[in-house]
């Protein structure tokens, strides 16, 4: 899905929502930030395999979309902290039922695989 869909007012609501969370890491970042503000290094440790470049890119897009707030503290070395905005918390809550459905799907897949193994 292209980034332009995130700002296209002529798409359905589901497409507009998916456009903002499209990508491998954004839903994981939403999940991590639900527990509170985090520095970029903390986010990378919580999400193994996430490179600094991809993290920075995803957080910038999420900030542009109004999902995260970036706060830079004027200390040396600079301290940057990311947190969910109210809009980001709303999205995380809206994704809760979808996550529940996903877990039920995974449970069904596991049960089917167990039956096939018998």
PDB file of N, CA and C in Angstrom:
ATOM      1  N   UNK A   1       0.857  -1.170   0.000  1.00  0.00           N
ATOM      2  CA  UNK A   1       0.000   0.000   0.000  1.00  0.00           C
ATOM      3  C   UNK A   1       0.903   1.232   0.000  1.00  0.00           C
ATOM      4  N   UNK A   2       0.520   2.225  -0.732  1.00  0.00           N
ATOM      5  CA  UNK A   2       1.370   3.406  -0.823  1.00  0.00           C
ATOM      6  C   UNK A   2       1.049   4.395   0.289  1.00  0.00           C
ATOM      7  N   UNK A   3       2.030   5.196   0.631  1.00  0.00           N
ATOM      8  CA  UNK A   3       1.866   6.206   1.685  1.00  0.00           C
ATOM      9  C   UNK A   3       0.792   7.215   1.319  1.00  0.00           C
ATOM     10  N   UNK A   4       0.569   7.448   0.015  1.00  0.00           N
ATOM     11  CA  UNK A   4      -0.420   8.449  -0.397  1.00  0.00           C
ATOM     12  C   UNK A   4      -1.817   8.080   0.082  1.00  0.00           C
ATOM     13  N   UNK A   5      -2.076   6.793   0.315  1.00  0.00           N
ATOM     14  CA  UNK A   5      -3.385   6.374   0.804  1.00  0.00           C
ATOM     15  C   UNK A   5      -3.639   6.883   2.221  1.00  0.00           C
ATOM     16  N   UNK A   6      -2.590   7.189   2.954  1.00  0.00           N
ATOM     17  CA  UNK A   6      -2.751   7.666   4.330  1.00  0.00           C
ATOM     18  C   UNK A   6      -3.391   9.048   4.368  1.00  0.00           C
ATOM     19  N   UNK A   7      -3.316   9.792   3.267  1.00  0.00           N
ATOM     20  CA  UNK A   7      -3.890  11.138   3.242  1.00  0.00           C
ATOM     21  C   UNK A   7      -4.976  11.293   2.186  1.00  0.00           C
ATOM     22  N   UNK A   8      -5.307  10.233   1.476  1.00  0.00           N
ATOM     23  CA  UNK A   8      -6.347  10.285   0.440  1.00  0.00           C
ATOM     24  C   UNK A   8      -7.712  10.266   1.115  1.00  0.00           C
ATOM     25  N   UNK A   9      -8.493  11.328   0.924  1.00  0.00           N
ATOM     26  CA  UNK A   9      -9.799  11.416   1.572  1.00  0.00           C
ATOM     27  C   UNK A   9     -10.867  10.637   0.809  1.00  0.00           C
ATOM     28  N   UNK A  10     -10.512  10.057  -0.321  1.00  0.00           N
ATOM     29  CA  UNK A  10     -11.484   9.332  -1.139  1.00  0.00           C
ATOM     30  C   UNK A  10     -11.316   7.818  -1.055  1.00  0.00           C
ATOM     31  N   UNK A  11     -10.880   7.316   0.097  1.00  0.00           N
ATOM     32  CA  UNK A  11     -10.773   5.874   0.304  1.00  0.00           C
ATOM     33  C   UNK A  11     -11.658   5.495   1.484  1.00  0.00           C
ATOM     34  N   UNK A  12     -11.954   4.203   1.596  1.00  0.00           N
ATOM     35  CA  UNK A  12     -12.776   3.778   2.729  1.00  0.00           C
ATOM     36  C   UNK A  12     -11.985   3.906   4.027  1.00  0.00           C
ATOM     37  N   UNK A  13     -12.684   3.930   5.130  1.00  0.00           N
ATOM     38  CA  UNK A  13     -12.053   4.118   6.433  1.00  0.00           C
ATOM     39  C   UNK A  13     -11.054   3.038   6.787  1.00  0.00           C
ATOM     40  N   UNK A  14     -11.357   1.789   6.431  1.00  0.00           N
ATOM     41  CA  UNK A  14     -10.442   0.687   6.741  1.00  0.00           C
ATOM     42  C   UNK A  14      -9.131   0.877   5.978  1.00  0.00           C
ATOM     43  N   UNK A  15      -9.223   1.263   4.716  1.00  0.00           N
ATOM     44  CA  UNK A  15      -8.023   1.506   3.914  1.00  0.00           C
ATOM     45  C   UNK A  15      -7.209   2.648   4.505  1.00  0.00           C
ATOM     46  N   UNK A  16      -7.887   3.694   4.951  1.00  0.00           N
ATOM     47  CA  UNK A  16      -7.187   4.832   5.554  1.00  0.00           C
ATOM     48  C   UNK A  16      -6.477   4.416   6.836  1.00  0.00           C
ATOM     49  N   UNK A  17      -7.109   3.547   7.634  1.00  0.00           N
ATOM     50  CA  UNK A  17      -6.488   3.089   8.880  1.00  0.00           C
ATOM     51  C   UNK A  17      -5.298   2.186   8.582  1.00  0.00           C
ATOM     52  N   UNK A  18      -5.470   1.269   7.647  1.00  0.00           N
ATOM     53  CA  UNK A  18      -4.385   0.349   7.315  1.00  0.00           C
ATOM     54  C   UNK A  18      -3.195   1.098   6.726  1.00  0.00           C
ATOM     55  N   UNK A  19      -3.454   2.164   6.009  1.00  0.00           N
ATOM     56  CA  UNK A  19      -2.365   2.944   5.416  1.00  0.00           C
ATOM     57  C   UNK A  19      -1.430   3.503   6.489  1.00  0.00           C
ATOM     58  N   UNK A  20      -1.981   3.820   7.666  1.00  0.00           N
ATOM     59  CA  UNK A  20      -1.135   4.391   8.724  1.00  0.00           C
ATOM     60  C   UNK A  20      -0.373   3.335   9.507  1.00  0.00           C
ATOM     61  N   UNK A  21      -0.836   2.089   9.476  1.00  0.00           N
ATOM     62  CA  UNK A  21      -0.135   1.035  10.219  1.00  0.00           C
ATOM     63  C   UNK A  21       0.545   0.045   9.290  1.00  0.00           C
ATOM     64  N   UNK A  22       0.552   0.370   8.001  1.00  0.00           N
ATOM     65  CA  UNK A  22       1.162  -0.511   7.010  1.00  0.00           C
ATOM     66  C   UNK A  22       2.655  -0.631   7.274  1.00  0.00           C
ATOM     67  N   UNK A  23       3.170  -1.810   7.132  1.00  0.00           N
ATOM     68  CA  UNK A  23       4.588  -2.051   7.345  1.00  0.00           C
ATOM     69  C   UNK A  23       4.791  -3.090   8.428  1.00  0.00           C
ATOM     70  N   UNK A  24       5.985  -3.583   8.485  1.00  0.00           N
ATOM     71  CA  UNK A  24       6.289  -4.684   9.396  1.00  0.00           C
ATOM     72  C   UNK A  24       6.306  -4.264  10.871  1.00  0.00           C
ATOM     73  N   UNK A  25       6.686  -3.036  11.169  1.00  0.00           N
ATOM     74  CA  UNK A  25       6.994  -2.667  12.552  1.00  0.00           C
ATOM     75  C   UNK A  25       6.007  -1.735  13.228  1.00  0.00           C
ATOM     76  N   UNK A  26       5.126  -1.080  12.492  1.00  0.00           N
ATOM     77  CA  UNK A  26       4.296  -0.044  13.113  1.00  0.00           C
ATOM     78  C   UNK A  26       3.341  -0.593  14.168  1.00  0.00           C
ATOM     79  N   UNK A  27       2.724  -1.735  13.913  1.00  0.00           N
ATOM     80  CA  UNK A  27       1.822  -2.277  14.937  1.00  0.00           C
ATOM     81  C   UNK A  27       2.612  -2.711  16.170  1.00  0.00           C
ATOM     82  N   UNK A  28       3.813  -3.245  15.954  1.00  0.00           N
ATOM     83  CA  UNK A  28       4.657  -3.625  17.090  1.00  0.00           C
ATOM     84  C   UNK A  28       5.089  -2.387  17.881  1.00  0.00           C
ATOM     85  N   UNK A  29       5.367  -1.288  17.187  1.00  0.00           N
ATOM     86  CA  UNK A  29       5.732  -0.048  17.867  1.00  0.00           C
ATOM     87  C   UNK A  29       4.543   0.507  18.656  1.00  0.00           C
ATOM     88  N   UNK A  30       3.349   0.440  18.076  1.00  0.00           N
ATOM     89  CA  UNK A  30       2.153   0.857  18.823  1.00  0.00           C
ATOM     90  C   UNK A  30       2.021   0.041  20.100  1.00  0.00           C
ATOM     91  N   UNK A  31       2.183  -1.273  19.964  1.00  0.00           N
ATOM     92  CA  UNK A  31       2.077  -2.172  21.112  1.00  0.00           C
ATOM     93  C   UNK A  31       3.119  -1.808  22.180  1.00  0.00           C
ATOM     94  N   UNK A  32       4.366  -1.574  21.751  1.00  0.00           N
ATOM     95  CA  UNK A  32       5.429  -1.248  22.706  1.00  0.00           C
ATOM     96  C   UNK A  32       5.165   0.089  23.399  1.00  0.00           C
ATOM     97  N   UNK A  33       4.660   1.059  22.649  1.00  0.00           N
ATOM     98  CA  UNK A  33       4.441   2.386  23.223  1.00  0.00           C
ATOM     99  C   UNK A  33       3.175   2.452  24.083  1.00  0.00           C
ATOM    100  N   UNK A  34       2.319   1.434  24.000  1.00  0.00           N
ATOM    101  CA  UNK A  34       1.134   1.408  24.870  1.00  0.00           C
ATOM    102  C   UNK A  34       1.516   1.351  26.343  1.00  0.00           C
ATOM    103  N   UNK A  35       2.670   0.765  26.631  1.00  0.00           N
ATOM    104  CA  UNK A  35       3.092   0.638  28.025  1.00  0.00           C
ATOM    105  C   UNK A  35       3.693   1.927  28.580  1.00  0.00           C
ATOM    106  N   UNK A  36       3.882   2.932  27.729  1.00  0.00           N
ATOM    107  CA  UNK A  36       4.417   4.204  28.188  1.00  0.00           C
ATOM    108  C   UNK A  36       5.507   4.717  27.265  1.00  0.00           C
ATOM    109  N   UNK A  37       6.038   5.913  27.576  1.00  0.00           N
ATOM    110  CA  UNK A  37       7.080   6.514  26.741  1.00  0.00           C
ATOM    111  C   UNK A  37       8.350   5.665  26.719  1.00  0.00           C
ATOM    112  N   UNK A  38       9.025   5.683  25.581  1.00  0.00           N
ATOM    113  CA  UNK A  38      10.275   4.942  25.423  1.00  0.00           C
ATOM    114  C   UNK A  38      11.265   5.736  24.597  1.00  0.00           C
ATOM    115  N   UNK A  39      12.531   5.528  24.912  1.00  0.00           N
ATOM    116  CA  UNK A  39      13.605   6.074  24.090  1.00  0.00           C
ATOM    117  C   UNK A  39      13.829   5.118  22.924  1.00  0.00           C
ATOM    118  N   UNK A  40      14.400   5.604  21.821  1.00  0.00           N
ATOM    119  CA  UNK A  40      14.608   4.747  20.650  1.00  0.00           C
ATOM    120  C   UNK A  40      15.400   3.473  20.956  1.00  0.00           C
ATOM    121  N   UNK A  41      16.421   3.568  21.780  1.00  0.00           N
ATOM    122  CA  UNK A  41      17.214   2.386  22.128  1.00  0.00           C
ATOM    123  C   UNK A  41      16.391   1.337  22.856  1.00  0.00           C
ATOM    124  N   UNK A  42      15.487   1.795  23.713  1.00  0.00           N
ATOM    125  CA  UNK A  42      14.606   0.863  24.425  1.00  0.00           C
ATOM    126  C   UNK A  42      13.686   0.141  23.446  1.00  0.00           C
ATOM    127  N   UNK A  43      13.172   0.895  22.470  1.00  0.00           N
ATOM    128  CA  UNK A  43      12.286   0.287  21.475  1.00  0.00           C
ATOM    129  C   UNK A  43      13.034  -0.764  20.657  1.00  0.00           C
ATOM    130  N   UNK A  44      14.268  -0.473  20.298  1.00  0.00           N
ATOM    131  CA  UNK A  44      15.061  -1.444  19.522  1.00  0.00           C
ATOM    132  C   UNK A  44      15.336  -2.701  20.331  1.00  0.00           C
ATOM    133  N   UNK A  45      15.577  -2.558  21.632  1.00  0.00           N
ATOM    134  CA  UNK A  45      15.805  -3.739  22.476  1.00  0.00           C
ATOM    135  C   UNK A  45      14.528  -4.564  22.628  1.00  0.00           C
ATOM    136  N   UNK A  46      13.384  -3.908  22.687  1.00  0.00           N
ATOM    137  CA  UNK A  46      12.111  -4.630  22.833  1.00  0.00           C
ATOM    138  C   UNK A  46      11.694  -5.327  21.548  1.00  0.00           C
ATOM    139  N   UNK A  47      12.209  -4.853  20.412  1.00  0.00           N
ATOM    140  CA  UNK A  47      11.815  -5.398  19.116  1.00  0.00           C
ATOM    141  C   UNK A  47      13.053  -5.867  18.348  1.00  0.00           C
ATOM    142  N   UNK A  48      13.572  -7.039  18.702  1.00  0.00           N
ATOM    143  CA  UNK A  48      14.777  -7.552  18.029  1.00  0.00           C
ATOM    144  C   UNK A  48      14.563  -7.646  16.518  1.00  0.00           C
ATOM    145  N   UNK A  49      15.581  -7.267  15.784  1.00  0.00           N
ATOM    146  CA  UNK A  49      15.512  -7.303  14.327  1.00  0.00           C
ATOM    147  C   UNK A  49      15.161  -5.960  13.708  1.00  0.00           C
ATOM    148  N   UNK A  50      14.749  -5.010  14.533  1.00  0.00           N
ATOM    149  CA  UNK A  50      14.399  -3.678  14.050  1.00  0.00           C
ATOM    150  C   UNK A  50      15.658  -2.820  13.982  1.00  0.00           C
ATOM    151  N   UNK A  51      16.011  -2.387  12.779  1.00  0.00           N
ATOM    152  CA  UNK A  51      17.228  -1.581  12.620  1.00  0.00           C
ATOM    153  C   UNK A  51      16.948  -0.134  13.023  1.00  0.00           C
ATOM    154  N   UNK A  52      18.014   0.590  13.314  1.00  0.00           N
ATOM    155  CA  UNK A  52      17.881   1.993  13.703  1.00  0.00           C
ATOM    156  C   UNK A  52      17.266   2.811  12.572  1.00  0.00           C
ATOM    157  N   UNK A  53      17.682   2.534  11.338  1.00  0.00           N
ATOM    158  CA  UNK A  53      17.165   3.271  10.179  1.00  0.00           C
ATOM    159  C   UNK A  53      15.663   3.053  10.013  1.00  0.00           C
ATOM    160  N   UNK A  54      15.220   1.808  10.084  1.00  0.00           N
ATOM    161  CA  UNK A  54      13.797   1.501   9.925  1.00  0.00           C
ATOM    162  C   UNK A  54      12.997   2.069  11.094  1.00  0.00           C
ATOM    163  N   UNK A  55      13.545   1.976  12.312  1.00  0.00           N
ATOM    164  CA  UNK A  55      12.880   2.543  13.481  1.00  0.00           C
ATOM    165  C   UNK A  55      12.662   4.041  13.300  1.00  0.00           C
ATOM    166  N   UNK A  56      13.701   4.742  12.905  1.00  0.00           N
ATOM    167  CA  UNK A  56      13.611   6.193  12.709  1.00  0.00           C
ATOM    168  C   UNK A  56      12.573   6.532  11.649  1.00  0.00           C
ATOM    169  N   UNK A  57      12.599   5.805  10.542  1.00  0.00           N
ATOM    170  CA  UNK A  57      11.655   6.049   9.449  1.00  0.00           C
ATOM    171  C   UNK A  57      10.214   5.806   9.911  1.00  0.00           C
ATOM    172  N   UNK A  58       9.973   4.692  10.593  1.00  0.00           N
ATOM    173  CA  UNK A  58       8.624   4.358  11.055  1.00  0.00           C
ATOM    174  C   UNK A  58       8.128   5.391  12.069  1.00  0.00           C
ATOM    175  N   UNK A  59       8.987   5.776  13.018  1.00  0.00           N
ATOM    176  CA  UNK A  59       8.580   6.756  14.027  1.00  0.00           C
ATOM    177  C   UNK A  59       8.289   8.112  13.399  1.00  0.00           C
ATOM    178  N   UNK A  60       9.066   8.501  12.388  1.00  0.00           N
ATOM    179  CA  UNK A  60       8.800   9.780  11.709  1.00  0.00           C
ATOM    180  C   UNK A  60       7.446   9.748  11.004  1.00  0.00           C
ATOM    181  N   UNK A  61       7.147   8.629  10.321  1.00  0.00           N
ATOM    182  CA  UNK A  61       5.844   8.509   9.659  1.00  0.00           C
ATOM    183  C   UNK A  61       4.719   8.524  10.686  1.00  0.00           C
ATOM    184  N   UNK A  62       4.922   7.813  11.790  1.00  0.00           N
ATOM    185  CA  UNK A  62       3.894   7.760  12.825  1.00  0.00           C
ATOM    186  C   UNK A  62       3.695   9.136  13.479  1.00  0.00           C
ATOM    187  N   UNK A  63       4.773   9.896  13.583  1.00  0.00           N
ATOM    188  CA  UNK A  63       4.663  11.257  14.113  1.00  0.00           C
ATOM    189  C   UNK A  63       3.898  12.142  13.128  1.00  0.00           C
ATOM    190  N   UNK A  64       4.206  12.014  11.846  1.00  0.00           N
ATOM    191  CA  UNK A  64       3.504  12.772  10.813  1.00  0.00           C
ATOM    192  C   UNK A  64       2.014  12.443  10.812  1.00  0.00           C
ATOM    193  N   UNK A  65       1.683  11.176  11.059  1.00  0.00           N
ATOM    194  CA  UNK A  65       0.288  10.739  11.071  1.00  0.00           C
ATOM    195  C   UNK A  65      -0.418  11.052  12.388  1.00  0.00           C
ATOM    196  N   UNK A  66       0.295  11.645  13.335  1.00  0.00           N
ATOM    197  CA  UNK A  66      -0.312  12.049  14.598  1.00  0.00           C
ATOM    198  C   UNK A  66      -0.465  10.937  15.616  1.00  0.00           C
ATOM    199  N   UNK A  67       0.258   9.822  15.427  1.00  0.00           N
ATOM    200  CA  UNK A  67       0.143   8.686  16.338  1.00  0.00           C
ATOM    201  C   UNK A  67       1.112   8.759  17.506  1.00  0.00           C
ATOM    202  N   UNK A  68       2.290   9.317  17.274  1.00  0.00           N
ATOM    203  CA  UNK A  68       3.291   9.410  18.335  1.00  0.00           C
ATOM    204  C   UNK A  68       3.752  10.848  18.515  1.00  0.00           C
ATOM    205  N   UNK A  69       4.187  11.119  19.726  1.00  0.00           N
ATOM    206  CA  UNK A  69       4.751  12.422  20.077  1.00  0.00           C
ATOM    207  C   UNK A  69       6.239  12.232  20.337  1.00  0.00           C
ATOM    208  N   UNK A  70       7.039  13.089  19.757  1.00  0.00           N
ATOM    209  CA  UNK A  70       8.496  13.040  19.938  1.00  0.00           C
ATOM    210  C   UNK A  70       8.887  14.219  20.817  1.00  0.00           C
ATOM    211  N   UNK A  71       9.554  13.892  21.922  1.00  0.00           N
ATOM    212  CA  UNK A  71       9.997  14.936  22.843  1.00  0.00           C
ATOM    213  C   UNK A  71      11.513  14.856  22.965  1.00  0.00           C
ATOM    214  N   UNK A  72      12.166  15.985  22.686  1.00  0.00           N
ATOM    215  CA  UNK A  72      13.625  16.047  22.771  1.00  0.00           C
ATOM    216  C   UNK A  72      13.978  16.878  23.997  1.00  0.00           C
ATOM    217  N   UNK A  73      14.723  16.258  24.920  1.00  0.00           N
ATOM    218  CA  UNK A  73      15.163  16.949  26.132  1.00  0.00           C
ATOM    219  C   UNK A  73      16.520  17.592  25.849  1.00  0.00           C
ATOM    220  N   UNK A  74      16.656  18.828  26.263  1.00  0.00           N
ATOM    221  CA  UNK A  74      17.868  19.596  25.983  1.00  0.00           C
ATOM    222  C   UNK A  74      18.950  19.294  27.011  1.00  0.00           C
ATOM    223  N   UNK A  75      19.488  18.093  26.934  1.00  0.00           N
ATOM    224  CA  UNK A  75      20.600  17.678  27.785  1.00  0.00           C
ATOM    225  C   UNK A  75      21.660  17.074  26.872  1.00  0.00           C
ATOM    226  N   UNK A  76      22.853  16.934  27.395  1.00  0.00           N
ATOM    227  CA  UNK A  76      23.922  16.299  26.611  1.00  0.00           C
ATOM    228  C   UNK A  76      24.215  14.937  27.199  1.00  0.00           C
ATOM    229  N   UNK A  77      24.207  13.886  26.434  1.00  0.00           N
ATOM    230  CA  UNK A  77      23.765  13.843  25.038  1.00  0.00           C
ATOM    231  C   UNK A  77      22.255  14.036  24.959  1.00  0.00           C
ATOM    232  N   UNK A  78      21.777  14.445  23.763  1.00  0.00           N
ATOM    233  CA  UNK A  78      20.347  14.675  23.571  1.00  0.00           C
ATOM    234  C   UNK A  78      19.551  13.437  23.951  1.00  0.00           C
ATOM    235  N   UNK A  79      18.444  13.666  24.598  1.00  0.00           N
ATOM    236  CA  UNK A  79      17.577  12.563  25.020  1.00  0.00           C
ATOM    237  C   UNK A  79      16.242  12.724  24.294  1.00  0.00           C
ATOM    238  N   UNK A  80      15.891  11.733  23.469  1.00  0.00           N
ATOM    239  CA  UNK A  80      14.637  11.745  22.731  1.00  0.00           C
ATOM    240  C   UNK A  80      13.731  10.665  23.294  1.00  0.00           C
ATOM    241  N   UNK A  81      12.471  11.021  23.518  1.00  0.00           N
ATOM    242  CA  UNK A  81      11.494  10.087  24.071  1.00  0.00           C
ATOM    243  C   UNK A  81      10.256  10.114  23.177  1.00  0.00           C
ATOM    244  N   UNK A  82       9.746   8.925  22.868  1.00  0.00           N
ATOM    245  CA  UNK A  82       8.528   8.799  22.060  1.00  0.00           C
ATOM    246  C   UNK A  82       7.402   8.263  22.924  1.00  0.00           C
ATOM    247  N   UNK A  83       6.205   8.802  22.691  1.00  0.00           N
ATOM    248  CA  UNK A  83       5.025   8.334  23.406  1.00  0.00           C
ATOM    249  C   UNK A  83       3.835   8.391  22.452  1.00  0.00           C
ATOM    250  N   UNK A  84       2.786   7.647  22.791  1.00  0.00           N
ATOM    251  CA  UNK A  84       1.575   7.684  21.980  1.00  0.00           C
ATOM    252  C   UNK A  84       0.818   8.973  22.252  1.00  0.00           C
ATOM    253  N   UNK A  85       0.240   9.529  21.214  1.00  0.00           N
ATOM    254  CA  UNK A  85      -0.684  10.650  21.371  1.00  0.00           C
ATOM    255  C   UNK A  85      -2.056  10.069  21.714  1.00  0.00           C
ATOM    256  N   UNK A  86      -3.001  10.918  22.016  1.00  0.00           N
ATOM    257  CA  UNK A  86      -4.359  10.448  22.240  1.00  0.00           C
ATOM    258  C   UNK A  86      -4.897   9.725  21.008  1.00  0.00           C
ATOM    259  N   UNK A  87      -4.578  10.247  19.845  1.00  0.00           N
ATOM    260  CA  UNK A  87      -4.999   9.638  18.586  1.00  0.00           C
ATOM    261  C   UNK A  87      -4.356   8.264  18.406  1.00  0.00           C
ATOM    262  N   UNK A  88      -3.100   8.150  18.804  1.00  0.00           N
ATOM    263  CA  UNK A  88      -2.399   6.868  18.735  1.00  0.00           C
ATOM    264  C   UNK A  88      -2.983   5.854  19.695  1.00  0.00           C
ATOM    265  N   UNK A  89      -3.362   6.303  20.898  1.00  0.00           N
ATOM    266  CA  UNK A  89      -4.010   5.408  21.870  1.00  0.00           C
ATOM    267  C   UNK A  89      -5.354   4.921  21.346  1.00  0.00           C
ATOM    268  N   UNK A  90      -6.092   5.823  20.677  1.00  0.00           N
ATOM    269  CA  UNK A  90      -7.371   5.431  20.076  1.00  0.00           C
ATOM    270  C   UNK A  90      -7.161   4.316  19.049  1.00  0.00           C
ATOM    271  N   UNK A  91      -6.131   4.458  18.217  1.00  0.00           N
ATOM    272  CA  UNK A  91      -5.839   3.439  17.208  1.00  0.00           C
ATOM    273  C   UNK A  91      -5.457   2.123  17.876  1.00  0.00           C
ATOM    274  N   UNK A  92      -4.619   2.189  18.902  1.00  0.00           N
ATOM    275  CA  UNK A  92      -4.201   0.976  19.601  1.00  0.00           C
ATOM    276  C   UNK A  92      -5.413   0.265  20.204  1.00  0.00           C
ATOM    277  N   UNK A  93      -6.343   1.023  20.774  1.00  0.00           N
ATOM    278  CA  UNK A  93      -7.566   0.423  21.335  1.00  0.00           C
ATOM    279  C   UNK A  93      -8.429  -0.182  20.235  1.00  0.00           C
ATOM    280  N   UNK A  94      -8.516   0.500  19.096  1.00  0.00           N
ATOM    281  CA  UNK A  94      -9.312  -0.013  17.983  1.00  0.00           C
ATOM    282  C   UNK A  94      -8.726  -1.309  17.434  1.00  0.00           C
ATOM    283  N   UNK A  95      -7.417  -1.471  17.525  1.00  0.00           N
ATOM    284  CA  UNK A  95      -6.764  -2.680  17.021  1.00  0.00           C
ATOM    285  C   UNK A  95      -6.903  -3.852  17.984  1.00  0.00           C
ATOM    286  N   UNK A  96      -7.324  -3.601  19.219  1.00  0.00           N
ATOM    287  CA  UNK A  96      -7.482  -4.665  20.207  1.00  0.00           C
ATOM    288  C   UNK A  96      -8.368  -5.806  19.735  1.00  0.00           C
ATOM    289  N   UNK A  97      -9.595  -5.529  19.261  1.00  0.00           N
ATOM    290  CA  UNK A  97     -10.440  -6.622  18.765  1.00  0.00           C
ATOM    291  C   UNK A  97      -9.829  -7.353  17.564  1.00  0.00           C
ATOM    292  N   UNK A  98      -9.119  -6.636  16.727  1.00  0.00           N
ATOM    293  CA  UNK A  98      -8.456  -7.289  15.594  1.00  0.00           C
ATOM    294  C   UNK A  98      -7.369  -8.231  16.090  1.00  0.00           C
ATOM    295  N   UNK A  99      -6.626  -7.816  17.114  1.00  0.00           N
ATOM    296  CA  UNK A  99      -5.603  -8.688  17.703  1.00  0.00           C
ATOM    297  C   UNK A  99      -6.240  -9.925  18.323  1.00  0.00           C
ATOM    298  N   UNK A 100      -7.368  -9.743  18.997  1.00  0.00           N
ATOM    299  CA  UNK A 100      -8.081 -10.893  19.571  1.00  0.00           C
ATOM    300  C   UNK A 100      -8.489 -11.877  18.482  1.00  0.00           C
ATOM    301  N   UNK A 101      -9.019 -11.352  17.385  1.00  0.00           N
ATOM    302  CA  UNK A 101      -9.393 -12.203  16.258  1.00  0.00           C
ATOM    303  C   UNK A 101      -8.174 -12.945  15.724  1.00  0.00           C
ATOM    304  N   UNK A 102      -7.048 -12.246  15.610  1.00  0.00           N
ATOM    305  CA  UNK A 102      -5.815 -12.867  15.129  1.00  0.00           C
ATOM    306  C   UNK A 102      -5.363 -14.013  16.020  1.00  0.00           C
ATOM    307  N   UNK A 103      -5.476 -13.834  17.334  1.00  0.00           N
ATOM    308  CA  UNK A 103      -5.099 -14.910  18.263  1.00  0.00           C
ATOM    309  C   UNK A 103      -6.030 -16.115  18.120  1.00  0.00           C
ATOM    310  N   UNK A 104      -7.322 -15.840  17.949  1.00  0.00           N
ATOM    311  CA  UNK A 104      -8.265 -16.950  17.734  1.00  0.00           C
ATOM    312  C   UNK A 104      -7.932 -17.685  16.439  1.00  0.00           C
ATOM    313  N   UNK A 105      -7.551 -16.965  15.412  1.00  0.00           N
ATOM    314  CA  UNK A 105      -7.161 -17.587  14.140  1.00  0.00           C
ATOM    315  C   UNK A 105      -5.935 -18.467  14.327  1.00  0.00           C
ATOM    316  N   UNK A 106      -4.958 -17.958  15.052  1.00  0.00           N
ATOM    317  CA  UNK A 106      -3.741 -18.748  15.301  1.00  0.00           C
ATOM    318  C   UNK A 106      -4.060 -20.009  16.098  1.00  0.00           C
ATOM    319  N   UNK A 107      -4.973 -19.894  17.068  1.00  0.00           N
ATOM    320  CA  UNK A 107      -5.385 -21.074  17.838  1.00  0.00           C
ATOM    321  C   UNK A 107      -6.034 -22.116  16.920  1.00  0.00           C
ATOM    322  N   UNK A 108      -6.874 -21.667  15.997  1.00  0.00           N
ATOM    323  CA  UNK A 108      -7.526 -22.586  15.046  1.00  0.00           C
ATOM    324  C   UNK A 108      -6.491 -23.255  14.149  1.00  0.00           C
ATOM    325  N   UNK A 109      -5.517 -22.481  13.682  1.00  0.00           N
ATOM    326  CA  UNK A 109      -4.460 -23.051  12.837  1.00  0.00           C
ATOM    327  C   UNK A 109      -3.669 -24.106  13.597  1.00  0.00           C
ATOM    328  N   UNK A 110      -3.343 -23.811  14.846  1.00  0.00           N
ATOM    329  CA  UNK A 110      -2.585 -24.768  15.662  1.00  0.00           C
ATOM    330  C   UNK A 110      -3.394 -26.043  15.877  1.00  0.00           C
ATOM    331  N   UNK A 111      -4.692 -25.895  16.134  1.00  0.00           N
ATOM    332  CA  UNK A 111      -5.544 -27.074  16.331  1.00  0.00           C
ATOM    333  C   UNK A 111      -5.621 -27.905  15.058  1.00  0.00           C
ATOM    334  N   UNK A 112      -5.730 -27.259  13.923  1.00  0.00           N
ATOM    335  CA  UNK A 112      -5.777 -27.969  12.645  1.00  0.00           C
ATOM    336  C   UNK A 112      -4.478 -28.713  12.386  1.00  0.00           C
ATOM    337  N   UNK A 113      -3.346 -28.072  12.691  1.00  0.00           N
ATOM    338  CA  UNK A 113      -2.042 -28.721  12.496  1.00  0.00           C
ATOM    339  C   UNK A 113      -1.891 -29.918  13.427  1.00  0.00           C
ATOM    340  N   UNK A 114      -2.403 -29.817  14.650  1.00  0.00           N
ATOM    341  CA  UNK A 114      -2.352 -30.941  15.591  1.00  0.00           C
ATOM    342  C   UNK A 114      -3.169 -32.111  15.073  1.00  0.00           C
ATOM    343  N   UNK A 115      -4.340 -31.818  14.528  1.00  0.00           N
ATOM    344  CA  UNK A 115      -5.189 -32.884  13.987  1.00  0.00           C
ATOM    345  C   UNK A 115      -4.531 -33.577  12.795  1.00  0.00           C
ATOM    346  N   UNK A 116      -3.867 -32.809  11.964  1.00  0.00           N
ATOM    347  CA  UNK A 116      -3.191 -33.382  10.802  1.00  0.00           C
ATOM    348  C   UNK A 116      -1.995 -34.236  11.211  1.00  0.00           C
ATOM    349  N   UNK A 117      -1.387 -33.899  12.338  1.00  0.00           N
ATOM    350  CA  UNK A 117      -0.216 -34.639  12.800  1.00  0.00           C
ATOM    351  C   UNK A 117      -0.610 -35.996  13.395  1.00  0.00           C
ATOM    352  N   UNK A 118      -1.876 -36.155  13.783  1.00  0.00           N
ATOM    353  CA  UNK A 118      -2.308 -37.417  14.392  1.00  0.00           C
ATOM    354  C   UNK A 118      -2.436 -38.517  13.402  1.00  0.00           C
TER     355      UNK A 118
END
